[in-house]
Amino acid sequence: MPLTKAFTETIKARLQESNTFRRGYLREAINCFLAGETETAKTLLRDYINGTIGFIQLGADLDRSPKTLMRMFSPSGNPQARNLFAIIAHLQKLEGTVLEVVDRKAA
């Protein structure tokens, strides 16, 4: 189901105004990838990019076509690991944060 404009605009506004929310949103997107929730992860990362750097600037920074990057995070997109990790590394650098994988014993 497509998201409403109001919801998308609300997320974008929160991403732009709150460092804590923005970092948590990026962390949640990465956690979804790690948990195998690829569709949710792509949606979250697409919203994060739209609400922060934007695909045009991301494309310029990574020397990639913005349209190609947008397609990677579309519902039918399938980003290669090399591209995905390059994007995540760049977003972490811009955010000034480092996300780490922690091995926790499953409950």
PDB file of N, CA and C in Angstrom:
ATOM      1  N   MET A   1       0.832  -1.162   0.000  1.00  0.00           N
ATOM      2  CA  MET A   1       0.000   0.000   0.000  1.00  0.00           C
ATOM      3  C   MET A   1       0.890   1.243   0.000  1.00  0.00           C
ATOM      4  N   PRO A   2       0.649   2.200  -0.899  1.00  0.00           N
ATOM      5  CA  PRO A   2       1.466   3.404  -0.945  1.00  0.00           C
ATOM      6  C   PRO A   2       1.220   4.271   0.289  1.00  0.00           C
ATOM      7  N   LEU A   3       2.262   4.939   0.731  1.00  0.00           N
ATOM      8  CA  LEU A   3       2.137   5.830   1.874  1.00  0.00           C
ATOM      9  C   LEU A   3       1.478   7.130   1.436  1.00  0.00           C
ATOM     10  N   THR A   4       0.752   7.728   2.359  1.00  0.00           N
ATOM     11  CA  THR A   4       0.118   9.003   2.050  1.00  0.00           C
ATOM     12  C   THR A   4       1.161  10.106   2.055  1.00  0.00           C
ATOM     13  N   LYS A   5       0.872  11.175   1.351  1.00  0.00           N
ATOM     14  CA  LYS A   5       1.800  12.298   1.292  1.00  0.00           C
ATOM     15  C   LYS A   5       2.032  12.871   2.688  1.00  0.00           C
ATOM     16  N   ALA A   6       0.969  12.972   3.487  1.00  0.00           N
ATOM     17  CA  ALA A   6       1.104  13.535   4.826  1.00  0.00           C
ATOM     18  C   ALA A   6       2.090  12.721   5.662  1.00  0.00           C
ATOM     19  N   PHE A   7       2.010  11.399   5.573  1.00  0.00           N
ATOM     20  CA  PHE A   7       2.925  10.556   6.340  1.00  0.00           C
ATOM     21  C   PHE A   7       4.359  10.753   5.864  1.00  0.00           C
ATOM     22  N   THR A   8       4.558  10.742   4.564  1.00  0.00           N
ATOM     23  CA  THR A   8       5.887  10.915   3.989  1.00  0.00           C
ATOM     24  C   THR A   8       6.463  12.270   4.367  1.00  0.00           C
ATOM     25  N   GLU A   9       5.667  13.302   4.306  1.00  0.00           N
ATOM     26  CA  GLU A   9       6.129  14.650   4.666  1.00  0.00           C
ATOM     27  C   GLU A   9       6.440  14.750   6.161  1.00  0.00           C
ATOM     28  N   THR A  10       5.667  14.051   6.985  1.00  0.00           N
ATOM     29  CA  THR A  10       5.921  14.045   8.425  1.00  0.00           C
ATOM     30  C   THR A  10       7.266  13.394   8.724  1.00  0.00           C
ATOM     31  N   ILE A  11       7.541  12.264   8.093  1.00  0.00           N
ATOM     32  CA  ILE A  11       8.827  11.586   8.288  1.00  0.00           C
ATOM     33  C   ILE A  11       9.963  12.475   7.811  1.00  0.00           C
ATOM     34  N   LYS A  12       9.805  13.087   6.654  1.00  0.00           N
ATOM     35  CA  LYS A  12      10.836  13.966   6.115  1.00  0.00           C
ATOM     36  C   LYS A  12      11.122  15.123   7.069  1.00  0.00           C
ATOM     37  N   ALA A  13      10.078  15.727   7.604  1.00  0.00           N
ATOM     38  CA  ALA A  13      10.257  16.836   8.549  1.00  0.00           C
ATOM     39  C   ALA A  13      10.983  16.375   9.807  1.00  0.00           C
ATOM     40  N   ARG A  14      10.597  15.221  10.340  1.00  0.00           N
ATOM     41  CA  ARG A  14      11.263  14.704  11.551  1.00  0.00           C
ATOM     42  C   ARG A  14      12.731  14.388  11.287  1.00  0.00           C
ATOM     43  N   LEU A  15      13.033  13.834  10.104  1.00  0.00           N
ATOM     44  CA  LEU A  15      14.419  13.531   9.754  1.00  0.00           C
ATOM     45  C   LEU A  15      15.258  14.805   9.688  1.00  0.00           C
ATOM     46  N   GLN A  16      14.663  15.882   9.221  1.00  0.00           N
ATOM     47  CA  GLN A  16      15.399  17.130   9.070  1.00  0.00           C
ATOM     48  C   GLN A  16      15.567  17.885  10.379  1.00  0.00           C
ATOM     49  N   GLU A  17      14.688  17.656  11.339  1.00  0.00           N
ATOM     50  CA  GLU A  17      14.738  18.455  12.561  1.00  0.00           C
ATOM     51  C   GLU A  17      15.342  17.744  13.771  1.00  0.00           C
ATOM     52  N   SER A  18      15.466  16.439  13.727  1.00  0.00           N
ATOM     53  CA  SER A  18      15.925  15.713  14.916  1.00  0.00           C
ATOM     54  C   SER A  18      17.082  14.774  14.608  1.00  0.00           C
ATOM     55  N   ASN A  19      18.247  15.074  15.183  1.00  0.00           N
ATOM     56  CA  ASN A  19      19.414  14.198  15.016  1.00  0.00           C
ATOM     57  C   ASN A  19      19.152  12.810  15.589  1.00  0.00           C
ATOM     58  N   THR A  20      18.510  12.754  16.724  1.00  0.00           N
ATOM     59  CA  THR A  20      18.227  11.476  17.375  1.00  0.00           C
ATOM     60  C   THR A  20      17.301  10.624  16.514  1.00  0.00           C
ATOM     61  N   PHE A  21      16.240  11.235  16.002  1.00  0.00           N
ATOM     62  CA  PHE A  21      15.307  10.513  15.137  1.00  0.00           C
ATOM     63  C   PHE A  21      16.016  10.042  13.870  1.00  0.00           C
ATOM     64  N   ARG A  22      16.838  10.917  13.278  1.00  0.00           N
ATOM     65  CA  ARG A  22      17.531  10.591  12.029  1.00  0.00           C
ATOM     66  C   ARG A  22      18.479   9.406  12.225  1.00  0.00           C
ATOM     67  N   ARG A  23      19.255   9.423  13.281  1.00  0.00           N
ATOM     68  CA  ARG A  23      20.180   8.316  13.552  1.00  0.00           C
ATOM     69  C   ARG A  23      19.426   7.026  13.851  1.00  0.00           C
ATOM     70  N   GLY A  24      18.348   7.131  14.594  1.00  0.00           N
ATOM     71  CA  GLY A  24      17.542   5.955  14.895  1.00  0.00           C
ATOM     72  C   GLY A  24      16.896   5.366  13.653  1.00  0.00           C
ATOM     73  N   TYR A  25      16.490   6.230  12.735  1.00  0.00           N
ATOM     74  CA  TYR A  25      15.870   5.785  11.483  1.00  0.00           C
ATOM     75  C   TYR A  25      16.883   5.035  10.626  1.00  0.00           C
ATOM     76  N   LEU A  26      18.098   5.580  10.542  1.00  0.00           N
ATOM     77  CA  LEU A  26      19.158   4.906   9.788  1.00  0.00           C
ATOM     78  C   LEU A  26      19.490   3.559  10.434  1.00  0.00           C
ATOM     79  N   ARG A  27      19.600   3.547  11.749  1.00  0.00           N
ATOM     80  CA  ARG A  27      19.897   2.306  12.474  1.00  0.00           C
ATOM     81  C   ARG A  27      18.806   1.265  12.225  1.00  0.00           C
ATOM     82  N   GLU A  28      17.549   1.681  12.253  1.00  0.00           N
ATOM     83  CA  GLU A  28      16.445   0.747  12.025  1.00  0.00           C
ATOM     84  C   GLU A  28      16.477   0.183  10.609  1.00  0.00           C
ATOM     85  N   ALA A  29      16.810   1.010   9.628  1.00  0.00           N
ATOM     86  CA  ALA A  29      16.909   0.526   8.242  1.00  0.00           C
ATOM     87  C   ALA A  29      17.973  -0.563   8.144  1.00  0.00           C
ATOM     88  N   ILE A  30      19.124  -0.327   8.751  1.00  0.00           N
ATOM     89  CA  ILE A  30      20.219  -1.308   8.707  1.00  0.00           C
ATOM     90  C   ILE A  30      19.819  -2.580   9.457  1.00  0.00           C
ATOM     91  N   ASN A  31      19.187  -2.429  10.610  1.00  0.00           N
ATOM     92  CA  ASN A  31      18.735  -3.597  11.367  1.00  0.00           C
ATOM     93  C   ASN A  31      17.747  -4.438  10.563  1.00  0.00           C
ATOM     94  N   CYS A  32      16.892  -3.788   9.805  1.00  0.00           N
ATOM     95  CA  CYS A  32      15.939  -4.535   8.955  1.00  0.00           C
ATOM     96  C   CYS A  32      16.672  -5.332   7.882  1.00  0.00           C
ATOM     97  N   PHE A  33      17.706  -4.740   7.270  1.00  0.00           N
ATOM     98  CA  PHE A  33      18.507  -5.499   6.299  1.00  0.00           C
ATOM     99  C   PHE A  33      19.110  -6.728   6.970  1.00  0.00           C
ATOM    100  N   LEU A  34      19.688  -6.534   8.140  1.00  0.00           N
ATOM    101  CA  LEU A  34      20.346  -7.642   8.839  1.00  0.00           C
ATOM    102  C   LEU A  34      19.361  -8.725   9.260  1.00  0.00           C
ATOM    103  N   ALA A  35      18.114  -8.341   9.523  1.00  0.00           N
ATOM    104  CA  ALA A  35      17.091  -9.304   9.932  1.00  0.00           C
ATOM    105  C   ALA A  35      16.409  -9.964   8.733  1.00  0.00           C
ATOM    106  N   GLY A  36      16.823  -9.595   7.518  1.00  0.00           N
ATOM    107  CA  GLY A  36      16.228 -10.192   6.329  1.00  0.00           C
ATOM    108  C   GLY A  36      14.935  -9.533   5.895  1.00  0.00           C
ATOM    109  N   GLU A  37      14.598  -8.405   6.489  1.00  0.00           N
ATOM    110  CA  GLU A  37      13.382  -7.668   6.124  1.00  0.00           C
ATOM    111  C   GLU A  37      13.731  -6.649   5.041  1.00  0.00           C
ATOM    112  N   THR A  38      14.078  -7.163   3.881  1.00  0.00           N
ATOM    113  CA  THR A  38      14.641  -6.347   2.808  1.00  0.00           C
ATOM    114  C   THR A  38      13.685  -5.267   2.309  1.00  0.00           C
ATOM    115  N   GLU A  39      12.430  -5.612   2.114  1.00  0.00           N
ATOM    116  CA  GLU A  39      11.468  -4.631   1.595  1.00  0.00           C
ATOM    117  C   GLU A  39      11.305  -3.458   2.561  1.00  0.00           C
ATOM    118  N   THR A  40      11.182  -3.761   3.849  1.00  0.00           N
ATOM    119  CA  THR A  40      11.060  -2.703   4.850  1.00  0.00           C
ATOM    120  C   THR A  40      12.335  -1.881   4.901  1.00  0.00           C
ATOM    121  N   ALA A  41      13.477  -2.546   4.852  1.00  0.00           N
ATOM    122  CA  ALA A  41      14.763  -1.852   4.894  1.00  0.00           C
ATOM    123  C   ALA A  41      14.921  -0.892   3.724  1.00  0.00           C
ATOM    124  N   LYS A  42      14.554  -1.344   2.530  1.00  0.00           N
ATOM    125  CA  LYS A  42      14.662  -0.473   1.346  1.00  0.00           C
ATOM    126  C   LYS A  42      13.752   0.746   1.481  1.00  0.00           C
ATOM    127  N   THR A  43      12.548   0.532   1.991  1.00  0.00           N
ATOM    128  CA  THR A  43      11.619   1.643   2.178  1.00  0.00           C
ATOM    129  C   THR A  43      12.169   2.645   3.187  1.00  0.00           C
ATOM    130  N   LEU A  44      12.668   2.144   4.303  1.00  0.00           N
ATOM    131  CA  LEU A  44      13.222   3.029   5.330  1.00  0.00           C
ATOM    132  C   LEU A  44      14.438   3.794   4.806  1.00  0.00           C
ATOM    133  N   LEU A  45      15.316   3.112   4.107  1.00  0.00           N
ATOM    134  CA  LEU A  45      16.514   3.779   3.594  1.00  0.00           C
ATOM    135  C   LEU A  45      16.146   4.797   2.514  1.00  0.00           C
ATOM    136  N   ARG A  46      15.176   4.471   1.679  1.00  0.00           N
ATOM    137  CA  ARG A  46      14.718   5.434   0.667  1.00  0.00           C
ATOM    138  C   ARG A  46      14.153   6.684   1.340  1.00  0.00           C
ATOM    139  N   ASP A  47      13.324   6.497   2.378  1.00  0.00           N
ATOM    140  CA  ASP A  47      12.771   7.641   3.106  1.00  0.00           C
ATOM    141  C   ASP A  47      13.879   8.445   3.778  1.00  0.00           C
ATOM    142  N   TYR A  48      14.861   7.741   4.342  1.00  0.00           N
ATOM    143  CA  TYR A  48      15.978   8.419   4.996  1.00  0.00           C
ATOM    144  C   TYR A  48      16.737   9.289   3.994  1.00  0.00           C
ATOM    145  N   ILE A  49      17.038   8.726   2.841  1.00  0.00           N
ATOM    146  CA  ILE A  49      17.776   9.475   1.813  1.00  0.00           C
ATOM    147  C   ILE A  49      16.949  10.667   1.340  1.00  0.00           C
ATOM    148  N   ASN A  50      15.670  10.462   1.074  1.00  0.00           N
ATOM    149  CA  ASN A  50      14.807  11.562   0.644  1.00  0.00           C
ATOM    150  C   ASN A  50      14.710  12.663   1.694  1.00  0.00           C
ATOM    151  N   GLY A  51      14.723  12.290   2.957  1.00  0.00           N
ATOM    152  CA  GLY A  51      14.581  13.264   4.038  1.00  0.00           C
ATOM    153  C   GLY A  51      15.874  13.916   4.474  1.00  0.00           C
ATOM    154  N   THR A  52      16.990  13.449   3.942  1.00  0.00           N
ATOM    155  CA  THR A  52      18.281  14.015   4.357  1.00  0.00           C
ATOM    156  C   THR A  52      19.040  14.526   3.137  1.00  0.00           C
ATOM    157  N   ILE A  53      19.932  13.753   2.628  1.00  0.00           N
ATOM    158  CA  ILE A  53      20.831  14.177   1.550  1.00  0.00           C
ATOM    159  C   ILE A  53      20.134  14.304   0.199  1.00  0.00           C
ATOM    160  N   GLY A  54      19.162  13.463  -0.068  1.00  0.00           N
ATOM    161  CA  GLY A  54      18.488  13.439  -1.371  1.00  0.00           C
ATOM    162  C   GLY A  54      19.265  12.595  -2.370  1.00  0.00           C
ATOM    163  N   PHE A  55      18.560  12.041  -3.334  1.00  0.00           N
ATOM    164  CA  PHE A  55      19.189  11.147  -4.301  1.00  0.00           C
ATOM    165  C   PHE A  55      20.107  11.876  -5.282  1.00  0.00           C
ATOM    166  N   ILE A  56      19.807  13.124  -5.580  1.00  0.00           N
ATOM    167  CA  ILE A  56      20.667  13.865  -6.512  1.00  0.00           C
ATOM    168  C   ILE A  56      22.041  14.085  -5.897  1.00  0.00           C
ATOM    169  N   GLN A  57      22.079  14.546  -4.647  1.00  0.00           N
ATOM    170  CA  GLN A  57      23.368  14.772  -3.992  1.00  0.00           C
ATOM    171  C   GLN A  57      24.086  13.453  -3.721  1.00  0.00           C
ATOM    172  N   LEU A  58      23.353  12.424  -3.305  1.00  0.00           N
ATOM    173  CA  LEU A  58      23.963  11.117  -3.072  1.00  0.00           C
ATOM    174  C   LEU A  58      24.601  10.591  -4.349  1.00  0.00           C
ATOM    175  N   GLY A  59      23.888  10.728  -5.468  1.00  0.00           N
ATOM    176  CA  GLY A  59      24.431  10.304  -6.752  1.00  0.00           C
ATOM    177  C   GLY A  59      25.705  11.054  -7.100  1.00  0.00           C
ATOM    178  N   ALA A  60      25.713  12.359  -6.871  1.00  0.00           N
ATOM    179  CA  ALA A  60      26.908  13.171  -7.147  1.00  0.00           C
ATOM    180  C   ALA A  60      28.072  12.747  -6.250  1.00  0.00           C
ATOM    181  N   ASP A  61      27.775  12.517  -4.976  1.00  0.00           N
ATOM    182  CA  ASP A  61      28.824  12.125  -4.020  1.00  0.00           C
ATOM    183  C   ASP A  61      29.435  10.776  -4.361  1.00  0.00           C
ATOM    184  N   LEU A  62      28.606   9.851  -4.863  1.00  0.00           N
ATOM    185  CA  LEU A  62      29.068   8.489  -5.141  1.00  0.00           C
ATOM    186  C   LEU A  62      29.365   8.245  -6.616  1.00  0.00           C
ATOM    187  N   ASP A  63      29.238   9.289  -7.419  1.00  0.00           N
ATOM    188  CA  ASP A  63      29.449   9.187  -8.862  1.00  0.00           C
ATOM    189  C   ASP A  63      28.548   8.108  -9.476  1.00  0.00           C
ATOM    190  N   ARG A  64      27.274   8.173  -9.110  1.00  0.00           N
ATOM    191  CA  ARG A  64      26.261   7.244  -9.614  1.00  0.00           C
ATOM    192  C   ARG A  64      25.058   8.063 -10.091  1.00  0.00           C
ATOM    193  N   SER A  65      24.295   7.498 -10.975  1.00  0.00           N
ATOM    194  CA  SER A  65      23.084   8.150 -11.448  1.00  0.00           C
ATOM    195  C   SER A  65      22.040   8.163 -10.328  1.00  0.00           C
ATOM    196  N   PRO A  66      21.448   9.319 -10.033  1.00  0.00           N
ATOM    197  CA  PRO A  66      20.384   9.357  -9.020  1.00  0.00           C
ATOM    198  C   PRO A  66      19.224   8.422  -9.357  1.00  0.00           C
ATOM    199  N   LYS A  67      18.901   8.293 -10.640  1.00  0.00           N
ATOM    200  CA  LYS A  67      17.811   7.399 -11.043  1.00  0.00           C
ATOM    201  C   LYS A  67      18.154   5.947 -10.732  1.00  0.00           C
ATOM    202  N   THR A  68      19.415   5.577 -10.945  1.00  0.00           N
ATOM    203  CA  THR A  68      19.847   4.217 -10.618  1.00  0.00           C
ATOM    204  C   THR A  68      19.726   3.968  -9.117  1.00  0.00           C
ATOM    205  N   LEU A  69      20.139   4.946  -8.328  1.00  0.00           N
ATOM    206  CA  LEU A  69      20.040   4.809  -6.872  1.00  0.00           C
ATOM    207  C   LEU A  69      18.583   4.702  -6.437  1.00  0.00           C
ATOM    208  N   MET A  70      17.712   5.503  -7.029  1.00  0.00           N
ATOM    209  CA  MET A  70      16.288   5.429  -6.689  1.00  0.00           C
ATOM    210  C   MET A  70      15.711   4.056  -7.022  1.00  0.00           C
ATOM    211  N   ARG A  71      16.113   3.509  -8.172  1.00  0.00           N
ATOM    212  CA  ARG A  71      15.621   2.178  -8.556  1.00  0.00           C
ATOM    213  C   ARG A  71      16.099   1.104  -7.581  1.00  0.00           C
ATOM    214  N   MET A  72      17.313   1.252  -7.050  1.00  0.00           N
ATOM    215  CA  MET A  72      17.821   0.264  -6.092  1.00  0.00           C
ATOM    216  C   MET A  72      16.892   0.105  -4.898  1.00  0.00           C
ATOM    217  N   PHE A  73      16.286   1.212  -4.477  1.00  0.00           N
ATOM    218  CA  PHE A  73      15.459   1.184  -3.280  1.00  0.00           C
ATOM    219  C   PHE A  73      13.964   1.166  -3.585  1.00  0.00           C
ATOM    220  N   SER A  74      13.626   0.904  -4.840  1.00  0.00           N
ATOM    221  CA  SER A  74      12.216   0.748  -5.204  1.00  0.00           C
ATOM    222  C   SER A  74      11.762  -0.646  -4.768  1.00  0.00           C
ATOM    223  N   PRO A  75      10.454  -0.891  -4.728  1.00  0.00           N
ATOM    224  CA  PRO A  75       9.974  -2.222  -4.330  1.00  0.00           C
ATOM    225  C   PRO A  75      10.563  -3.361  -5.164  1.00  0.00           C
ATOM    226  N   SER A  76      10.834  -3.125  -6.442  1.00  0.00           N
ATOM    227  CA  SER A  76      11.404  -4.180  -7.276  1.00  0.00           C
ATOM    228  C   SER A  76      12.928  -4.096  -7.363  1.00  0.00           C
ATOM    229  N   GLY A  77      13.520  -3.121  -6.686  1.00  0.00           N
ATOM    230  CA  GLY A  77      14.970  -2.949  -6.723  1.00  0.00           C
ATOM    231  C   GLY A  77      15.709  -4.052  -5.983  1.00  0.00           C
ATOM    232  N   ASN A  78      16.929  -4.301  -6.428  1.00  0.00           N
ATOM    233  CA  ASN A  78      17.755  -5.331  -5.808  1.00  0.00           C
ATOM    234  C   ASN A  78      19.202  -4.832  -5.778  1.00  0.00           C
ATOM    235  N   PRO A  79      19.526  -3.977  -4.789  1.00  0.00           N
ATOM    236  CA  PRO A  79      20.872  -3.406  -4.768  1.00  0.00           C
ATOM    237  C   PRO A  79      21.938  -4.469  -4.513  1.00  0.00           C
ATOM    238  N   GLN A  80      23.028  -4.363  -5.247  1.00  0.00           N
ATOM    239  CA  GLN A  80      24.161  -5.252  -4.996  1.00  0.00           C
ATOM    240  C   GLN A  80      24.800  -4.859  -3.667  1.00  0.00           C
ATOM    241  N   ALA A  81      25.382  -5.828  -2.990  1.00  0.00           N
ATOM    242  CA  ALA A  81      25.998  -5.570  -1.690  1.00  0.00           C
ATOM    243  C   ALA A  81      27.043  -4.463  -1.780  1.00  0.00           C
ATOM    244  N   ARG A  82      27.841  -4.471  -2.831  1.00  0.00           N
ATOM    245  CA  ARG A  82      28.891  -3.452  -2.998  1.00  0.00           C
ATOM    246  C   ARG A  82      28.279  -2.051  -2.998  1.00  0.00           C
ATOM    247  N   ASN A  83      27.194  -1.861  -3.742  1.00  0.00           N
ATOM    248  CA  ASN A  83      26.530  -0.563  -3.807  1.00  0.00           C
ATOM    249  C   ASN A  83      25.857  -0.206  -2.488  1.00  0.00           C
ATOM    250  N   LEU A  84      25.184  -1.172  -1.899  1.00  0.00           N
ATOM    251  CA  LEU A  84      24.488  -0.942  -0.637  1.00  0.00           C
ATOM    252  C   LEU A  84      25.466  -0.526   0.457  1.00  0.00           C
ATOM    253  N   PHE A  85      26.586  -1.246   0.564  1.00  0.00           N
ATOM    254  CA  PHE A  85      27.560  -0.913   1.605  1.00  0.00           C
ATOM    255  C   PHE A  85      28.244   0.425   1.351  1.00  0.00           C
ATOM    256  N   ALA A  86      28.449   0.780   0.095  1.00  0.00           N
ATOM    257  CA  ALA A  86      29.018   2.096  -0.227  1.00  0.00           C
ATOM    258  C   ALA A  86      28.058   3.204   0.199  1.00  0.00           C
ATOM    259  N   ILE A  87      26.780   2.999  -0.046  1.00  0.00           N
ATOM    260  CA  ILE A  87      25.769   3.984   0.346  1.00  0.00           C
ATOM    261  C   ILE A  87      25.699   4.102   1.856  1.00  0.00           C
ATOM    262  N   ILE A  88      25.645   2.977   2.543  1.00  0.00           N
ATOM    263  CA  ILE A  88      25.564   2.990   4.003  1.00  0.00           C
ATOM    264  C   ILE A  88      26.804   3.651   4.602  1.00  0.00           C
ATOM    265  N   ALA A  89      27.973   3.333   4.086  1.00  0.00           N
ATOM    266  CA  ALA A  89      29.209   3.945   4.591  1.00  0.00           C
ATOM    267  C   ALA A  89      29.166   5.459   4.406  1.00  0.00           C
ATOM    268  N   HIS A  90      28.697   5.900   3.258  1.00  0.00           N
ATOM    269  CA  HIS A  90      28.618   7.339   2.986  1.00  0.00           C
ATOM    270  C   HIS A  90      27.611   8.019   3.920  1.00  0.00           C
ATOM    271  N   LEU A  91      26.467   7.400   4.116  1.00  0.00           N
ATOM    272  CA  LEU A  91      25.454   7.981   5.002  1.00  0.00           C
ATOM    273  C   LEU A  91      25.949   8.046   6.442  1.00  0.00           C
ATOM    274  N   GLN A  92      26.667   7.025   6.887  1.00  0.00           N
ATOM    275  CA  GLN A  92      27.241   7.052   8.228  1.00  0.00           C
ATOM    276  C   GLN A  92      28.241   8.203   8.367  1.00  0.00           C
ATOM    277  N   LYS A  93      29.058   8.382   7.346  1.00  0.00           N
ATOM    278  CA  LYS A  93      30.053   9.453   7.367  1.00  0.00           C
ATOM    279  C   LYS A  93      29.363  10.812   7.470  1.00  0.00           C
ATOM    280  N   LEU A  94      28.335  11.013   6.670  1.00  0.00           N
ATOM    281  CA  LEU A  94      27.604  12.278   6.715  1.00  0.00           C
ATOM    282  C   LEU A  94      26.917  12.486   8.052  1.00  0.00           C
ATOM    283  N   GLU A  95      26.416  11.411   8.618  1.00  0.00           N
ATOM    284  CA  GLU A  95      25.701  11.471   9.888  1.00  0.00           C
ATOM    285  C   GLU A  95      26.668  11.629  11.066  1.00  0.00           C
ATOM    286  N   GLY A  96      27.929  11.268  10.841  1.00  0.00           N
ATOM    287  CA  GLY A  96      28.906  11.340  11.928  1.00  0.00           C
ATOM    288  C   GLY A  96      28.697  10.236  12.945  1.00  0.00           C
ATOM    289  N   THR A  97      28.312   9.076  12.455  1.00  0.00           N
ATOM    290  CA  THR A  97      28.047   7.948  13.336  1.00  0.00           C
ATOM    291  C   THR A  97      28.637   6.683  12.732  1.00  0.00           C
ATOM    292  N   VAL A  98      28.841   5.686  13.567  1.00  0.00           N
ATOM    293  CA  VAL A  98      29.311   4.390  13.111  1.00  0.00           C
ATOM    294  C   VAL A  98      28.373   3.343  13.686  1.00  0.00           C
ATOM    295  N   LEU A  99      27.766   2.576  12.805  1.00  0.00           N
ATOM    296  CA  LEU A  99      26.897   1.498  13.237  1.00  0.00           C
ATOM    297  C   LEU A  99      27.696   0.224  13.289  1.00  0.00           C
ATOM    298  N   GLU A 100      27.482  -0.552  14.339  1.00  0.00           N
ATOM    299  CA  GLU A 100      28.232  -1.801  14.518  1.00  0.00           C
ATOM    300  C   GLU A 100      27.252  -2.951  14.685  1.00  0.00           C
ATOM    301  N   VAL A 101      27.705  -4.112  14.273  1.00  0.00           N
ATOM    302  CA  VAL A 101      26.940  -5.331  14.499  1.00  0.00           C
ATOM    303  C   VAL A 101      27.405  -5.910  15.832  1.00  0.00           C
ATOM    304  N   VAL A 102      26.450  -6.222  16.687  1.00  0.00           N
ATOM    305  CA  VAL A 102      26.757  -6.792  17.990  1.00  0.00           C
ATOM    306  C   VAL A 102      26.168  -8.191  18.035  1.00  0.00           C
ATOM    307  N   ASP A 103      26.989  -9.146  18.419  1.00  0.00           N
ATOM    308  CA  ASP A 103      26.545 -10.530  18.521  1.00  0.00           C
ATOM    309  C   ASP A 103      25.820 -10.703  19.864  1.00  0.00           C
ATOM    310  N   ARG A 104      24.511 -10.974  19.785  1.00  0.00           N
ATOM    311  CA  ARG A 104      23.723 -11.177  20.992  1.00  0.00           C
ATOM    312  C   ARG A 104      23.152 -12.580  20.950  1.00  0.00           C
ATOM    313  N   LYS A 105      23.158 -13.215  22.058  1.00  0.00           N
ATOM    314  CA  LYS A 105      22.584 -14.558  22.138  1.00  0.00           C
ATOM    315  C   LYS A 105      21.077 -14.453  21.927  1.00  0.00           C
ATOM    316  N   ALA A 106      20.573 -15.265  21.012  1.00  0.00           N
ATOM    317  CA  ALA A 106      19.137 -15.267  20.735  1.00  0.00           C
ATOM    318  C   ALA A 106      18.380 -15.755  21.943  1.00  0.00           C
ATOM    319  N   ALA A 107      17.245 -15.144  22.211  1.00  0.00           N
ATOM    320  CA  ALA A 107      16.440 -15.515  23.385  1.00  0.00           C
ATOM    321  C   ALA A 107      15.721 -16.814  23.161  1.00  0.00           C
TER     322      ALA A 107
END
